[in-house]
């Protein structure tokens, strides 16, 4: 099934030397699976037919073709090769200068528009989040480039740990890391699509300057292709990686409601960072509820090297993810709220069933679609029950539909830290569910102290 579905997109044709190629080291890492998503547990098995050796080669092939098609569309070229790329890059540099010149005179309006398009396209209820959006160059100091080295823990007692307990914890850690890696690919894949959200507000952008949409199309399509034709970031210095990035986001949980803070050098990047911040916010319940264990998972998965690969492969993974949605969810613009609840419910699953479902979704199986449809139907029924309770004043069932709680900002290396005196009565999920139901003012001082220590 996976083979048939993905082979609908033909592989890149390298038979003509004029055609553009991926960087050799990226091709090699895809083939050997020596990259952060290599051989992922959620990737379905495929038949080897001479076109690709593994699932990531298939989705990389599709994504590479997609970005080449975008360049053709933005430039009008029929063939994109090494020679034409030299010309295209020169055009892009001129486009960036012209684009930033236009934006410099319209920054407040563009910042407001970026927030509006994200809130509208993500169907965010008014008052759930607030935004601090800036069109400016961000500061990347302190970013985590690669997984942190594990620190040796001092034994808490002279009693050695049981071998079975150690193995069980290692197995759980591996599952949680695999889950977090996949969730990160969904976050980046979704927010990568947001780079092109300027099309959704083309009327407003045309009113500012009719050249903007065309300039954005050229700049963003060239930006996408550079992820594929330049050497992989693993082989570059941290400074080189920072220079290639144009945006940054973080979450401030100390405000009520929480604040998504985002900076981007120009409008499409700002939209991308705002979108990514909301996705991080909705994805937080995918982390283990134990803060120390969650921090260990993120230390090994949340870094720039991983994010680069998420930006390469994530868009197709996100496409496959959304293809599993029932047609009623895709065709109805009023179902945005349900889509958010669906995503929340899926990422909140335990790691093993989450990875099993993800594999079914990526394979395009009917079983995966049936599971997703059942989750959607359960959400709709529960929302109907809640509406009935609100109207009647009676309780039909205990509500279990969450809002959007929690976050983790991978770029800024925000970690979840345990309190000095951890209590079994305090955990992140319980507190955040309480905020959703009754607001920040309902928290006790101990609960607030615990939350702000995260």
Foldseek 3Di string as FASTA:
>chain_A
DLQVVLCVDPFDDPVDVQAAAFAVVVVVCQQVLVALCRPFLLADADDDDPRHDGRLNSLLRVLLVVLVVLQCVLPVDPGDGPVVVVVLVVVLVVLVVVQLVLCVVVFVVLQVVLVVLLCLQLVPDPQLEAEAFGQDFDDQPQFFAAFDDDDDDDDPDPDDDDPVVVVVVVVQLVLLLSLVLLLLLQLLLVLLVLLLSVVVVLVVVVVSPNCNNSSSSSNSSSLLNCLTHPDACVPPDPVVLSVSDFKFWDWDVVDRNIYIYMYGNHNSNRSSSSSSQLSQLLLFLLADFPQVSSQNSLSRRQGNSSNSVSNSNSNVLNVLVCVLEDPVCVVDSVNSVLVSLLVSVLSNDRSVVSSVLSSCSSSVHPVSSVVSVVSSVVVVVLVVQVVVCVVPVDHPDDRDRADRGDGDGSGNSDGRDADPDHDPVATRVVLRRCCRVPNPVPDDPVNSVNVVND
